[in-house]
Amino acid sequence: MRYTKAALLTFGAGLVLALVVVATEVPGLERVASAAMALGIAAIPIGMAVDWRRATRGARPSRHRGKPRTRRTIPAARRRARSRNPAGRGRR
């Protein structure tokens, strides 16, 4: 929600600036406040679309290859005994 939040903050800043302009009757900042509010309102749907796109995009695997994993050997006391039969079946 990064971009939607930025758009809403832009609109809110324009709204606060407009309140200040009306309360203090500063004629030079009227257009700036209006432009900030218009920019914020226009950016809300764009921000929502970008945020949706970022949220629905799957996690891509890293192209960076790290160190190859080293195989750890299990101590002899914890090793399971392998059967001598290559098929893995017991005697019949």
Protein backbone atom coordinates (compact mmCIF):
# COMPACT_ATOMS: atom_id res chain seq x y z
CA MET A 1 0.00 0.00 0.00
CA ARG A 2 3.01 2.23 -0.43
CA TYR A 3 1.82 4.14 -3.51
CA THR A 4 -1.81 4.43 -2.43
CA LYS A 5 -0.68 5.83 0.89
CA ALA A 6 1.53 8.40 -0.87
CA ALA A 7 -1.41 9.48 -3.05
CA LEU A 8 -3.67 9.86 -0.03
CA LEU A 9 -1.01 11.86 1.81
CA THR A 10 -0.65 14.17 -1.22
CA PHE A 11 -4.39 14.75 -1.27
CA GLY A 12 -4.45 15.33 2.49
CA ALA A 13 -1.58 17.83 2.29
CA GLY A 14 -3.43 19.71 -0.43
CA LEU A 15 -6.57 19.70 1.69
CA VAL A 16 -4.74 21.07 4.73
CA LEU A 17 -3.03 23.69 2.55
CA ALA A 18 -6.41 24.70 1.15
CA LEU A 19 -7.77 25.07 4.69
CA VAL A 20 -4.82 27.29 5.59
CA VAL A 21 -5.28 29.37 2.42
CA VAL A 22 -8.98 29.91 3.12
CA ALA A 23 -8.41 30.70 6.80
CA THR A 24 -5.57 33.17 6.23
CA GLU A 25 -6.85 34.48 2.87
CA VAL A 26 -3.51 34.05 1.07
CA PRO A 27 -4.31 34.54 -2.63
CA GLY A 28 -1.05 33.09 -4.06
CA LEU A 29 -1.38 29.53 -2.77
CA GLU A 30 -4.90 28.78 -3.98
CA ARG A 31 -3.77 27.14 -7.19
CA VAL A 32 -1.02 25.20 -5.42
CA ALA A 33 -3.51 23.73 -2.95
CA SER A 34 -5.95 22.92 -5.73
CA ALA A 35 -3.23 21.26 -7.80
CA ALA A 36 -2.07 19.17 -4.84
CA MET A 37 -5.59 17.92 -4.19
CA ALA A 38 -6.18 17.16 -7.88
CA LEU A 39 -2.86 15.34 -8.16
CA GLY A 40 -3.67 13.28 -5.06
CA ILE A 41 -7.11 12.29 -6.31
CA ALA A 42 -5.78 11.39 -9.75
CA ALA A 43 -2.93 9.33 -8.25
CA ILE A 44 -5.15 7.19 -5.98
CA PRO A 45 -6.35 4.72 -8.69
CA ILE A 46 -2.87 4.56 -10.19
CA GLY A 47 -1.37 3.85 -6.78
CA MET A 48 -3.96 1.16 -6.11
CA ALA A 49 -3.17 -0.53 -9.43
CA VAL A 50 0.58 -0.46 -8.78
CA ASP A 51 0.15 -1.77 -5.24
CA TRP A 52 -2.13 -4.55 -6.48
CA ARG A 53 0.40 -5.50 -9.14
CA ARG A 54 3.23 -5.63 -6.60
CA ALA A 55 1.13 -7.70 -4.17
CA THR A 56 -0.01 -10.29 -6.71
CA ARG A 57 3.33 -10.82 -8.40
CA GLY A 58 4.81 -14.06 -7.16
CA ALA A 59 8.10 -14.21 -5.39
CA ARG A 60 10.69 -14.72 -8.07
CA PRO A 61 13.60 -16.98 -7.30
CA SER A 62 16.93 -15.28 -7.01
CA ARG A 63 19.20 -15.57 -10.00
CA HIS A 64 22.19 -15.24 -7.75
CA ARG A 65 23.75 -18.57 -6.96
CA GLY A 66 25.21 -18.86 -3.53
CA LYS A 67 27.77 -21.28 -2.28
CA PRO A 68 26.98 -24.90 -3.09
CA ARG A 69 25.69 -26.74 -0.07
CA THR A 70 28.17 -29.03 1.56
CA ARG A 71 26.89 -32.43 2.53
CA ARG A 72 27.26 -33.11 6.20
CA THR A 73 28.15 -36.62 7.26
CA ILE A 74 26.14 -38.25 9.99
CA PRO A 75 28.20 -39.65 12.87
CA ALA A 76 28.64 -43.44 12.80
CA ALA A 77 26.58 -43.91 15.96
CA ARG A 78 23.51 -42.31 14.37
CA ARG A 79 23.80 -43.93 10.93
CA ARG A 80 21.26 -46.54 9.99
CA ALA A 81 22.65 -49.83 8.81
CA ARG A 82 22.07 -50.39 5.10
CA SER A 83 20.78 -53.70 3.90
CA ARG A 84 23.14 -55.71 1.74
CA ASN A 85 20.41 -56.61 -0.69
CA PRO A 86 20.45 -53.95 -3.47
CA ALA A 87 16.72 -54.35 -4.09
CA GLY A 88 16.03 -53.35 -0.50
CA ARG A 89 14.05 -56.50 0.27
CA GLY A 90 14.61 -58.82 3.17
CA ARG A 91 15.27 -62.58 2.93
CA ARG A 92 12.40 -64.88 2.03
